[in-house]
Each structure stands twice: as C-alpha cells, then as structure tokens.
N, C-alpha and C. Protein backbone atom coordinates (compact mmCIF):
# COMPACT_ATOMS: atom_id res chain seq x y z
N UNK A 1 -9.86 -13.88 13.01
CA UNK A 1 -10.45 -14.65 11.94
C UNK A 1 -10.54 -13.85 10.63
N UNK A 2 -10.94 -12.58 10.73
CA UNK A 2 -11.04 -11.77 9.50
C UNK A 2 -9.67 -11.59 8.86
N UNK A 3 -8.61 -11.49 9.69
CA UNK A 3 -7.27 -11.35 9.12
C UNK A 3 -6.92 -12.58 8.27
N UNK A 4 -7.18 -13.76 8.80
CA UNK A 4 -6.86 -14.99 8.07
C UNK A 4 -7.64 -15.06 6.75
N UNK A 5 -8.91 -14.65 6.79
CA UNK A 5 -9.72 -14.65 5.57
C UNK A 5 -9.14 -13.66 4.57
N UNK A 6 -8.81 -12.45 5.04
CA UNK A 6 -8.21 -11.45 4.15
C UNK A 6 -6.92 -11.99 3.54
N UNK A 7 -6.04 -12.52 4.39
CA UNK A 7 -4.73 -13.03 3.93
C UNK A 7 -4.92 -14.10 2.86
N UNK A 8 -5.81 -15.02 3.08
CA UNK A 8 -6.06 -16.08 2.11
C UNK A 8 -6.54 -15.52 0.77
N UNK A 9 -7.49 -14.58 0.83
CA UNK A 9 -8.02 -13.99 -0.41
C UNK A 9 -6.96 -13.16 -1.13
N UNK A 10 -6.22 -12.35 -0.38
CA UNK A 10 -5.21 -11.47 -0.99
C UNK A 10 -4.07 -12.29 -1.60
N UNK A 11 -3.62 -13.31 -0.89
CA UNK A 11 -2.55 -14.16 -1.44
C UNK A 11 -3.05 -14.95 -2.64
N UNK A 12 -4.36 -15.20 -2.69
CA UNK A 12 -4.95 -15.88 -3.84
C UNK A 12 -4.86 -15.08 -5.13
N UNK A 13 -4.67 -13.75 -4.99
CA UNK A 13 -4.50 -12.89 -6.18
C UNK A 13 -3.08 -12.31 -6.21
N UNK A 14 -2.14 -13.04 -5.60
CA UNK A 14 -0.70 -12.75 -5.67
C UNK A 14 -0.20 -11.59 -4.83
N UNK A 15 -0.98 -11.12 -3.86
CA UNK A 15 -0.46 -10.11 -2.94
C UNK A 15 0.41 -10.80 -1.90
N UNK A 16 1.35 -10.06 -1.33
CA UNK A 16 2.21 -10.57 -0.26
C UNK A 16 1.72 -9.93 1.03
N UNK A 17 1.35 -10.73 2.00
CA UNK A 17 0.72 -10.22 3.22
C UNK A 17 1.58 -10.54 4.44
N UNK A 18 1.84 -9.51 5.26
CA UNK A 18 2.63 -9.65 6.48
C UNK A 18 1.89 -8.94 7.61
N UNK A 19 2.06 -9.46 8.82
CA UNK A 19 1.39 -8.85 9.98
C UNK A 19 2.39 -8.74 11.13
N UNK A 20 2.35 -7.58 11.79
CA UNK A 20 3.23 -7.32 12.92
C UNK A 20 2.43 -6.73 14.07
N UNK A 21 2.81 -7.11 15.28
CA UNK A 21 2.12 -6.57 16.45
C UNK A 21 2.49 -5.11 16.68
N UNK A 22 3.77 -4.80 16.49
CA UNK A 22 4.26 -3.46 16.83
C UNK A 22 4.69 -2.69 15.59
N UNK A 23 4.52 -1.41 15.67
CA UNK A 23 4.87 -0.51 14.57
C UNK A 23 6.37 -0.54 14.28
N UNK A 24 7.21 -0.55 15.31
CA UNK A 24 8.66 -0.53 15.06
C UNK A 24 9.11 -1.80 14.33
N UNK A 25 8.52 -2.94 14.63
CA UNK A 25 8.85 -4.18 13.94
C UNK A 25 8.43 -4.11 12.48
N UNK A 26 7.26 -3.55 12.23
CA UNK A 26 6.77 -3.38 10.85
C UNK A 26 7.68 -2.44 10.06
N UNK A 27 8.09 -1.35 10.70
CA UNK A 27 8.97 -0.39 10.05
C UNK A 27 10.33 -1.03 9.73
N UNK A 28 10.86 -1.81 10.65
CA UNK A 28 12.13 -2.51 10.39
C UNK A 28 11.98 -3.49 9.23
N UNK A 29 10.85 -4.21 9.18
CA UNK A 29 10.61 -5.13 8.07
C UNK A 29 10.59 -4.36 6.75
N UNK A 30 9.90 -3.21 6.74
CA UNK A 30 9.81 -2.43 5.51
C UNK A 30 11.19 -1.95 5.06
N UNK A 31 12.00 -1.48 5.99
CA UNK A 31 13.35 -1.02 5.65
C UNK A 31 14.18 -2.18 5.10
N UNK A 32 14.13 -3.33 5.76
CA UNK A 32 14.87 -4.50 5.28
C UNK A 32 14.39 -4.93 3.89
N UNK A 33 13.08 -4.88 3.68
CA UNK A 33 12.52 -5.23 2.38
C UNK A 33 13.05 -4.29 1.30
N UNK A 34 13.01 -2.99 1.57
CA UNK A 34 13.49 -2.00 0.59
C UNK A 34 14.96 -2.23 0.26
N UNK A 35 15.76 -2.47 1.28
CA UNK A 35 17.20 -2.67 1.05
C UNK A 35 17.44 -3.96 0.26
N UNK A 36 16.75 -5.02 0.63
CA UNK A 36 16.91 -6.31 -0.06
C UNK A 36 16.50 -6.21 -1.53
N UNK A 37 15.49 -5.39 -1.80
CA UNK A 37 14.98 -5.25 -3.17
C UNK A 37 15.74 -4.21 -3.98
N UNK A 38 16.78 -3.60 -3.41
CA UNK A 38 17.65 -2.73 -4.19
C UNK A 38 17.33 -1.25 -4.16
N UNK A 39 16.77 -0.75 -3.06
CA UNK A 39 16.51 0.69 -2.95
C UNK A 39 17.80 1.47 -3.18
N UNK A 40 17.73 2.47 -4.05
CA UNK A 40 18.87 3.34 -4.32
C UNK A 40 18.34 4.68 -4.83
N UNK A 41 19.22 5.63 -4.94
CA UNK A 41 18.82 6.99 -5.35
C UNK A 41 19.01 7.18 -6.86
N UNK A 42 18.45 6.26 -7.63
CA UNK A 42 18.49 6.36 -9.09
C UNK A 42 17.10 6.02 -9.63
N UNK A 43 16.79 6.47 -10.85
CA UNK A 43 15.49 6.12 -11.43
C UNK A 43 15.29 4.59 -11.46
N UNK A 44 14.07 4.17 -11.23
CA UNK A 44 13.65 2.76 -11.21
C UNK A 44 14.20 1.97 -10.02
N UNK A 45 14.85 2.64 -9.06
CA UNK A 45 15.28 1.98 -7.83
C UNK A 45 14.87 2.78 -6.59
N UNK A 46 14.35 3.98 -6.79
CA UNK A 46 13.99 4.86 -5.68
C UNK A 46 12.60 4.53 -5.14
N UNK A 47 12.29 5.10 -3.96
CA UNK A 47 10.99 4.91 -3.33
C UNK A 47 10.37 6.26 -3.00
N UNK A 48 9.05 6.31 -3.09
CA UNK A 48 8.30 7.50 -2.70
C UNK A 48 7.30 7.11 -1.63
N UNK A 49 7.16 7.95 -0.62
CA UNK A 49 6.22 7.68 0.45
C UNK A 49 5.23 8.84 0.54
N UNK A 50 3.95 8.52 0.43
CA UNK A 50 2.91 9.54 0.57
C UNK A 50 2.69 9.83 2.05
N UNK A 51 2.16 10.98 2.33
CA UNK A 51 1.83 11.37 3.70
C UNK A 51 0.91 10.33 4.31
N UNK A 52 1.25 9.89 5.53
CA UNK A 52 0.39 8.92 6.21
C UNK A 52 0.55 9.04 7.72
N UNK A 53 -0.53 8.73 8.42
CA UNK A 53 -0.53 8.80 9.88
C UNK A 53 0.31 7.72 10.54
N UNK A 54 0.64 6.68 9.79
CA UNK A 54 1.45 5.58 10.33
C UNK A 54 2.82 6.08 10.76
N UNK A 55 3.39 6.99 10.01
CA UNK A 55 4.74 7.47 10.28
C UNK A 55 4.71 8.75 11.09
N UNK A 56 5.30 8.72 12.28
CA UNK A 56 5.44 9.96 13.04
C UNK A 56 6.75 10.63 12.62
N UNK A 57 7.05 11.76 13.21
CA UNK A 57 8.24 12.52 12.81
C UNK A 57 9.53 11.72 13.02
N UNK A 58 9.60 10.96 14.10
CA UNK A 58 10.79 10.14 14.38
C UNK A 58 10.97 9.08 13.29
N UNK A 59 9.86 8.44 12.87
CA UNK A 59 9.93 7.43 11.80
C UNK A 59 10.39 8.07 10.49
N UNK A 60 9.84 9.23 10.19
CA UNK A 60 10.22 9.91 8.95
C UNK A 60 11.70 10.27 8.97
N UNK A 61 12.21 10.69 10.12
CA UNK A 61 13.64 11.01 10.23
C UNK A 61 14.50 9.78 9.94
N UNK A 62 14.09 8.62 10.44
CA UNK A 62 14.82 7.37 10.18
C UNK A 62 14.79 7.07 8.68
N UNK A 63 13.61 7.17 8.08
CA UNK A 63 13.47 6.84 6.65
C UNK A 63 14.20 7.83 5.74
N UNK A 64 14.27 9.10 6.15
CA UNK A 64 14.97 10.10 5.34
C UNK A 64 16.46 9.80 5.20
N UNK A 65 16.99 8.98 6.11
CA UNK A 65 18.40 8.61 6.06
C UNK A 65 18.67 7.53 5.00
N UNK A 66 17.60 6.90 4.51
CA UNK A 66 17.77 5.87 3.48
C UNK A 66 17.98 6.54 2.12
N UNK A 67 19.08 6.23 1.50
CA UNK A 67 19.35 6.79 0.17
C UNK A 67 18.33 6.24 -0.82
N UNK A 68 17.58 7.14 -1.42
CA UNK A 68 16.61 6.73 -2.43
C UNK A 68 15.16 6.83 -1.98
N UNK A 69 14.90 7.07 -0.70
CA UNK A 69 13.52 7.20 -0.23
C UNK A 69 13.19 8.68 -0.06
N UNK A 70 12.15 9.12 -0.74
CA UNK A 70 11.76 10.53 -0.73
C UNK A 70 10.30 10.68 -0.29
N UNK A 71 9.96 11.86 0.18
CA UNK A 71 8.61 12.16 0.61
C UNK A 71 7.94 13.22 -0.26
N UNK A 72 8.68 13.77 -1.20
CA UNK A 72 8.13 14.79 -2.11
C UNK A 72 7.52 14.09 -3.32
N UNK A 73 6.22 13.83 -3.25
CA UNK A 73 5.55 13.04 -4.28
C UNK A 73 5.07 13.93 -5.42
N UNK A 74 5.57 13.64 -6.62
CA UNK A 74 5.11 14.30 -7.84
C UNK A 74 4.80 13.21 -8.86
N UNK A 75 4.08 13.57 -9.90
CA UNK A 75 3.77 12.61 -10.95
C UNK A 75 5.05 12.09 -11.60
N UNK A 76 5.98 12.99 -11.89
CA UNK A 76 7.23 12.59 -12.53
C UNK A 76 8.04 11.65 -11.63
N UNK A 77 8.15 12.00 -10.35
CA UNK A 77 8.91 11.16 -9.42
C UNK A 77 8.24 9.79 -9.26
N UNK A 78 6.92 9.76 -9.19
CA UNK A 78 6.20 8.48 -9.03
C UNK A 78 6.37 7.60 -10.26
N UNK A 79 6.40 8.20 -11.43
CA UNK A 79 6.54 7.41 -12.65
C UNK A 79 7.94 6.80 -12.77
N UNK A 80 8.92 7.36 -12.06
CA UNK A 80 10.30 6.85 -12.11
C UNK A 80 10.66 6.01 -10.87
N UNK A 81 9.76 5.93 -9.90
CA UNK A 81 10.05 5.21 -8.66
C UNK A 81 9.79 3.71 -8.83
N UNK A 82 10.58 2.92 -8.14
CA UNK A 82 10.33 1.47 -8.12
C UNK A 82 9.34 1.12 -7.02
N UNK A 83 9.41 1.84 -5.90
CA UNK A 83 8.57 1.56 -4.74
C UNK A 83 7.66 2.74 -4.43
N UNK A 84 6.42 2.45 -4.13
CA UNK A 84 5.47 3.44 -3.65
C UNK A 84 4.94 2.97 -2.31
N UNK A 85 4.98 3.84 -1.32
CA UNK A 85 4.54 3.48 0.03
C UNK A 85 3.35 4.36 0.40
N UNK A 86 2.26 3.72 0.79
CA UNK A 86 1.09 4.48 1.22
C UNK A 86 0.35 3.75 2.32
N UNK A 87 -0.44 4.50 3.02
CA UNK A 87 -1.28 3.93 4.06
C UNK A 87 -2.66 3.66 3.47
N UNK A 88 -3.14 2.47 3.68
CA UNK A 88 -4.50 2.13 3.28
C UNK A 88 -5.38 2.23 4.52
N UNK A 89 -6.61 2.64 4.33
CA UNK A 89 -7.50 2.84 5.47
C UNK A 89 -8.21 1.56 5.91
N UNK A 90 -8.59 0.74 4.94
CA UNK A 90 -9.38 -0.45 5.24
C UNK A 90 -8.91 -1.64 4.41
N UNK A 91 -9.31 -2.83 4.87
CA UNK A 91 -9.07 -4.07 4.15
C UNK A 91 -10.35 -4.89 4.22
N UNK A 92 -10.79 -5.43 3.10
CA UNK A 92 -12.03 -6.20 3.06
C UNK A 92 -11.71 -7.70 3.10
N UNK A 93 -12.15 -8.35 4.15
CA UNK A 93 -11.83 -9.76 4.37
C UNK A 93 -12.40 -10.66 3.30
N UNK A 94 -13.60 -10.37 2.82
CA UNK A 94 -14.25 -11.30 1.88
C UNK A 94 -13.63 -11.30 0.49
N UNK A 95 -12.91 -10.24 0.12
CA UNK A 95 -12.33 -10.18 -1.22
C UNK A 95 -10.80 -10.05 -1.22
N UNK A 96 -10.20 -9.75 -0.07
CA UNK A 96 -8.76 -9.51 -0.04
C UNK A 96 -8.39 -8.18 -0.66
N UNK A 97 -9.34 -7.26 -0.68
CA UNK A 97 -9.13 -5.93 -1.29
C UNK A 97 -8.75 -4.90 -0.24
N UNK A 98 -7.96 -3.94 -0.65
CA UNK A 98 -7.63 -2.79 0.19
C UNK A 98 -8.47 -1.61 -0.28
N UNK A 99 -8.78 -0.71 0.64
CA UNK A 99 -9.54 0.50 0.30
C UNK A 99 -8.85 1.69 0.95
N UNK A 100 -8.89 2.81 0.23
CA UNK A 100 -8.18 4.00 0.70
C UNK A 100 -8.94 5.25 0.29
N UNK A 101 -9.02 6.19 1.21
CA UNK A 101 -9.49 7.51 0.86
C UNK A 101 -8.35 8.16 0.08
N UNK A 102 -8.49 8.19 -1.22
CA UNK A 102 -7.43 8.70 -2.08
C UNK A 102 -7.76 10.08 -2.63
N UNK A 103 -8.43 10.89 -1.84
CA UNK A 103 -8.75 12.24 -2.27
C UNK A 103 -7.48 13.02 -2.59
N UNK A 104 -6.40 12.76 -1.84
CA UNK A 104 -5.10 13.39 -2.11
C UNK A 104 -4.43 12.65 -3.26
N UNK A 105 -4.05 13.38 -4.28
CA UNK A 105 -3.46 12.75 -5.48
C UNK A 105 -2.18 11.99 -5.16
N UNK A 106 -1.43 12.42 -4.14
CA UNK A 106 -0.20 11.74 -3.78
C UNK A 106 -0.46 10.27 -3.46
N UNK A 107 -1.59 9.99 -2.81
CA UNK A 107 -1.95 8.62 -2.48
C UNK A 107 -2.12 7.79 -3.75
N UNK A 108 -2.80 8.36 -4.72
CA UNK A 108 -3.03 7.64 -5.98
C UNK A 108 -1.73 7.43 -6.75
N UNK A 109 -0.86 8.43 -6.75
CA UNK A 109 0.39 8.33 -7.49
C UNK A 109 1.29 7.21 -6.96
N UNK A 110 1.47 7.14 -5.64
CA UNK A 110 2.39 6.14 -5.09
C UNK A 110 1.80 4.73 -5.10
N UNK A 111 0.48 4.62 -5.18
CA UNK A 111 -0.12 3.29 -5.19
C UNK A 111 -0.34 2.75 -6.60
N UNK A 112 -0.18 3.60 -7.62
CA UNK A 112 -0.47 3.12 -8.97
C UNK A 112 0.68 3.22 -9.97
N UNK A 113 1.64 4.10 -9.78
CA UNK A 113 2.70 4.27 -10.77
C UNK A 113 3.97 3.44 -10.53
N UNK A 114 4.46 3.31 -9.30
CA UNK A 114 5.67 2.50 -9.10
C UNK A 114 5.44 1.01 -9.37
N UNK A 115 6.52 0.29 -9.54
CA UNK A 115 6.46 -1.15 -9.82
C UNK A 115 6.00 -1.97 -8.62
N UNK A 116 6.41 -1.54 -7.42
CA UNK A 116 6.05 -2.24 -6.19
C UNK A 116 5.31 -1.28 -5.27
N UNK A 117 4.12 -1.67 -4.85
CA UNK A 117 3.35 -0.86 -3.90
C UNK A 117 3.42 -1.52 -2.53
N UNK A 118 3.89 -0.76 -1.54
CA UNK A 118 3.91 -1.22 -0.16
C UNK A 118 2.76 -0.52 0.55
N UNK A 119 1.80 -1.30 1.01
CA UNK A 119 0.60 -0.76 1.65
C UNK A 119 0.68 -1.00 3.15
N UNK A 120 0.62 0.08 3.92
CA UNK A 120 0.61 0.00 5.38
C UNK A 120 -0.84 0.06 5.83
N UNK A 121 -1.26 -0.93 6.64
CA UNK A 121 -2.67 -1.05 7.00
C UNK A 121 -2.82 -1.31 8.49
N UNK A 122 -3.68 -0.55 9.18
CA UNK A 122 -3.97 -0.89 10.57
C UNK A 122 -4.81 -2.17 10.60
N UNK A 123 -4.42 -3.14 11.41
CA UNK A 123 -5.19 -4.38 11.51
C UNK A 123 -6.63 -4.08 11.94
N UNK A 124 -6.82 -3.02 12.70
CA UNK A 124 -8.17 -2.62 13.13
C UNK A 124 -9.03 -2.17 11.95
N UNK A 125 -8.41 -1.93 10.79
CA UNK A 125 -9.14 -1.49 9.61
C UNK A 125 -9.72 -2.64 8.78
N UNK A 126 -9.53 -3.87 9.24
CA UNK A 126 -10.10 -5.01 8.50
C UNK A 126 -11.60 -5.05 8.73
N UNK A 127 -12.35 -5.03 7.64
CA UNK A 127 -13.81 -5.08 7.68
C UNK A 127 -14.27 -6.36 6.98
N UNK A 128 -15.47 -6.83 7.30
CA UNK A 128 -15.92 -8.08 6.67
C UNK A 128 -16.19 -7.98 5.18
N UNK A 129 -16.76 -6.83 4.72
CA UNK A 129 -17.20 -6.77 3.33
C UNK A 129 -17.47 -5.33 2.89
N UNK A 130 -17.89 -5.17 1.63
CA UNK A 130 -18.17 -3.86 1.05
C UNK A 130 -19.27 -3.10 1.79
N UNK A 131 -20.39 -3.72 2.17
CA UNK A 131 -21.39 -2.96 2.91
C UNK A 131 -20.84 -2.35 4.20
N UNK A 132 -19.97 -3.07 4.89
CA UNK A 132 -19.35 -2.53 6.11
C UNK A 132 -18.48 -1.32 5.78
N UNK A 133 -17.75 -1.39 4.66
CA UNK A 133 -16.93 -0.26 4.23
C UNK A 133 -17.81 0.94 3.88
N UNK A 134 -18.81 0.71 3.08
CA UNK A 134 -19.65 1.82 2.63
C UNK A 134 -20.40 2.49 3.78
N UNK A 135 -20.63 1.78 4.87
CA UNK A 135 -21.27 2.40 6.03
C UNK A 135 -20.33 3.35 6.76
N UNK A 136 -19.03 3.25 6.48
CA UNK A 136 -18.02 4.11 7.13
C UNK A 136 -17.56 5.28 6.26
N UNK A 137 -17.77 5.18 4.96
CA UNK A 137 -17.28 6.18 4.03
C UNK A 137 -18.33 7.27 3.84
N UNK A 138 -17.90 8.51 4.00
CA UNK A 138 -18.79 9.65 3.82
C UNK A 138 -18.32 10.47 2.62
N UNK A 139 -19.18 10.67 1.61
CA UNK A 139 -18.77 11.37 0.38
C UNK A 139 -18.16 12.75 0.63
N UNK A 140 -18.58 13.44 1.66
CA UNK A 140 -18.01 14.78 1.93
C UNK A 140 -16.57 14.69 2.40
N UNK A 141 -16.18 13.55 2.97
CA UNK A 141 -14.82 13.38 3.47
C UNK A 141 -13.95 12.53 2.54
N UNK A 142 -14.58 11.85 1.60
CA UNK A 142 -13.85 10.93 0.73
C UNK A 142 -14.34 11.12 -0.70
N UNK A 143 -13.69 12.03 -1.42
CA UNK A 143 -14.11 12.32 -2.79
C UNK A 143 -13.64 11.26 -3.78
N UNK A 144 -12.65 10.46 -3.38
CA UNK A 144 -12.07 9.45 -4.28
C UNK A 144 -11.73 8.22 -3.45
N UNK A 145 -12.48 7.17 -3.62
CA UNK A 145 -12.25 5.92 -2.90
C UNK A 145 -11.53 4.94 -3.83
N UNK A 146 -10.31 4.58 -3.47
CA UNK A 146 -9.53 3.63 -4.29
C UNK A 146 -9.68 2.23 -3.71
N UNK A 147 -9.84 1.28 -4.60
CA UNK A 147 -9.93 -0.14 -4.22
C UNK A 147 -8.78 -0.87 -4.94
N UNK A 148 -8.02 -1.66 -4.20
CA UNK A 148 -6.89 -2.39 -4.76
C UNK A 148 -7.02 -3.86 -4.37
N UNK A 149 -7.01 -4.72 -5.37
CA UNK A 149 -7.06 -6.16 -5.13
C UNK A 149 -5.88 -6.79 -5.87
N UNK A 150 -4.82 -7.06 -5.15
CA UNK A 150 -3.64 -7.69 -5.72
C UNK A 150 -2.87 -6.78 -6.67
N UNK A 151 -1.78 -7.30 -7.23
CA UNK A 151 -1.02 -6.54 -8.23
C UNK A 151 -1.89 -6.30 -9.46
N UNK A 152 -1.52 -5.31 -10.24
CA UNK A 152 -2.24 -5.01 -11.47
C UNK A 152 -2.17 -6.21 -12.41
N UNK A 153 -3.31 -6.53 -13.02
CA UNK A 153 -3.33 -7.65 -13.97
C UNK A 153 -4.39 -7.41 -15.02
N UNK A 154 -4.13 -7.94 -16.19
CA UNK A 154 -5.11 -7.88 -17.28
C UNK A 154 -4.94 -9.11 -18.15
N UNK A 155 -6.02 -9.49 -18.80
CA UNK A 155 -5.96 -10.60 -19.77
C UNK A 155 -6.71 -10.18 -21.03
N UNK A 156 -6.75 -8.87 -21.27
CA UNK A 156 -7.52 -8.38 -22.41
C UNK A 156 -6.75 -8.41 -23.73
N UNK A 157 -5.49 -8.79 -23.71
CA UNK A 157 -4.72 -8.90 -24.94
C UNK A 157 -4.60 -10.39 -25.27
N UNK A 158 -5.39 -10.84 -26.21
CA UNK A 158 -5.41 -12.23 -26.64
C UNK A 158 -5.58 -13.21 -25.48
N UNK A 159 -6.27 -12.78 -24.43
CA UNK A 159 -6.59 -13.61 -23.25
C UNK A 159 -5.34 -14.16 -22.56
N UNK A 160 -4.26 -13.44 -22.62
CA UNK A 160 -3.02 -13.83 -21.95
C UNK A 160 -2.88 -12.96 -20.70
N UNK A 161 -2.78 -13.61 -19.53
CA UNK A 161 -2.65 -12.87 -18.29
C UNK A 161 -1.30 -12.15 -18.24
N UNK A 162 -1.36 -10.85 -18.00
CA UNK A 162 -0.17 -10.02 -17.91
C UNK A 162 -0.23 -9.24 -16.60
N UNK A 163 0.86 -9.26 -15.84
CA UNK A 163 0.93 -8.58 -14.55
C UNK A 163 1.65 -7.25 -14.73
N UNK A 164 1.13 -6.20 -14.09
CA UNK A 164 1.81 -4.92 -14.04
C UNK A 164 1.60 -3.99 -15.22
N UNK A 165 0.64 -4.25 -16.06
CA UNK A 165 0.41 -3.39 -17.22
C UNK A 165 -0.20 -2.05 -16.80
N UNK A 166 -1.18 -2.09 -15.92
CA UNK A 166 -1.91 -0.88 -15.53
C UNK A 166 -1.62 -0.46 -14.10
N UNK A 167 -0.50 -0.87 -13.56
CA UNK A 167 -0.17 -0.54 -12.17
C UNK A 167 0.95 -1.44 -11.67
N UNK A 168 1.14 -1.47 -10.36
CA UNK A 168 2.25 -2.23 -9.77
C UNK A 168 2.23 -3.72 -10.10
N UNK A 169 3.44 -4.28 -10.26
CA UNK A 169 3.61 -5.71 -10.49
C UNK A 169 3.54 -6.49 -9.18
N UNK A 170 3.84 -5.80 -8.08
CA UNK A 170 3.81 -6.45 -6.76
C UNK A 170 3.07 -5.57 -5.78
N UNK A 171 2.31 -6.23 -4.91
CA UNK A 171 1.62 -5.55 -3.82
C UNK A 171 2.06 -6.22 -2.52
N UNK A 172 2.73 -5.44 -1.67
CA UNK A 172 3.22 -5.92 -0.38
C UNK A 172 2.38 -5.23 0.69
N UNK A 173 1.61 -6.02 1.43
CA UNK A 173 0.70 -5.48 2.44
C UNK A 173 1.29 -5.73 3.82
N UNK A 174 1.39 -4.67 4.61
CA UNK A 174 1.95 -4.77 5.96
C UNK A 174 0.88 -4.32 6.96
N UNK A 175 0.34 -5.28 7.70
CA UNK A 175 -0.63 -4.98 8.75
C UNK A 175 0.11 -4.72 10.05
N UNK A 176 -0.40 -3.75 10.83
CA UNK A 176 0.20 -3.43 12.11
C UNK A 176 -0.92 -3.40 13.16
N UNK A 177 -0.79 -4.27 14.17
CA UNK A 177 -1.82 -4.38 15.19
C UNK A 177 -1.93 -3.14 16.07
N UNK A 178 -0.80 -2.56 16.48
CA UNK A 178 -0.86 -1.44 17.43
C UNK A 178 -1.22 -0.11 16.76
N UNK A 179 -1.31 -0.09 15.45
CA UNK A 179 -1.62 1.15 14.74
C UNK A 179 -3.12 1.25 14.53
N UNK A 180 -3.73 2.26 15.14
CA UNK A 180 -5.19 2.42 15.04
C UNK A 180 -5.64 2.98 13.72
N UNK A 181 -4.84 3.81 13.07
CA UNK A 181 -5.18 4.33 11.74
C UNK A 181 -6.14 5.49 11.74
N UNK A 182 -6.79 5.77 12.86
CA UNK A 182 -7.67 6.93 12.94
C UNK A 182 -9.01 6.76 12.29
N UNK A 183 -9.46 5.54 12.00
CA UNK A 183 -10.76 5.33 11.38
C UNK A 183 -11.81 4.99 12.38
C-alpha cells in the first residue's frame, strides 16, 4: 500500500517510478534505459554512478563494459554527464519524496548535476512520512540529508514553471524488492 501511495505522489510531480522484484531485472531495466536514452562516451551523453550497496562487484563489472558509464565521480565529470546514478536510502509515501544520506559529496554530485537522475531504492526503505524518517536518521551518521521530490522545477521567473533549472530534468526511480539497502 505504501508503494502505491509513493508512486502516485511521485508521478504527480513528474517522476518516473518503476518496481522490480529482483535486482538482476532492475539492473537490466537500467541498462536498457541508458542505451535507449543514448548513453555514450561523450560529454552530455555519459553516465556517472556513485558508490552504492545496490551494486556488487559482479554488477559493477557488467556496467563497466558499457561505453560511457563511469564510477570515478568528480564535479567536472558530473557537470558534463547526462545520467547520474545513485542509491537512495528512503522514500516517503505521503509526499513521493526520496531521502538519502548524502554525507559523501559523490552522492550529491550525481543526483543534482546530470540531466537525468536514476535513483535506486530498496522497496523496504519506503516509510510513511517525515517523522518516521527522522526517527531513523542519526546526526552523527548523517551529516547531510538530501530530500528529492520529482525533477528540479521552479516558477520564480515571472511565475512560469521551468523544469531542470536547478537540477535534473528527469527523475527515474527504480525500486527493488529483494534489495534490503542496509537500513
């Protein structure tokens, strides 16, 4: 039930939400998505992936074979990447928001600078609301808590809604049931 509520809220703010039972199916979907969207080893077509528990060494080896997908996250590389891939720790059902311990700058770079952000989320990380999230977050372990609700949008310029001004134009959320996420 919380997944359906999250999906409805997130899609209401233009996020794309997908759910898979198995990790290998989710990984195949992500690879197909990247290829369909034009992943290549050139500026504005490349992808960067931040360190995440979702990908084991075997998964990383598969992804390293994709031309244009890199794991060495820098500010310069993130600013030139079309795709940013990161693991989100939680999802809030009542708002359709994602939450991430973004203490590592690499997490912030790949989720905010590329045009398309692909968020990998354990389905077990869906929480009902902000109070449930805050009961799990400990300041000593999470110096920077990032909250993401849909693609970047603003209407502060003559009240005209503009997508992608302060971050990604697209947010693709991939939930995986068998991935515990370690939370």
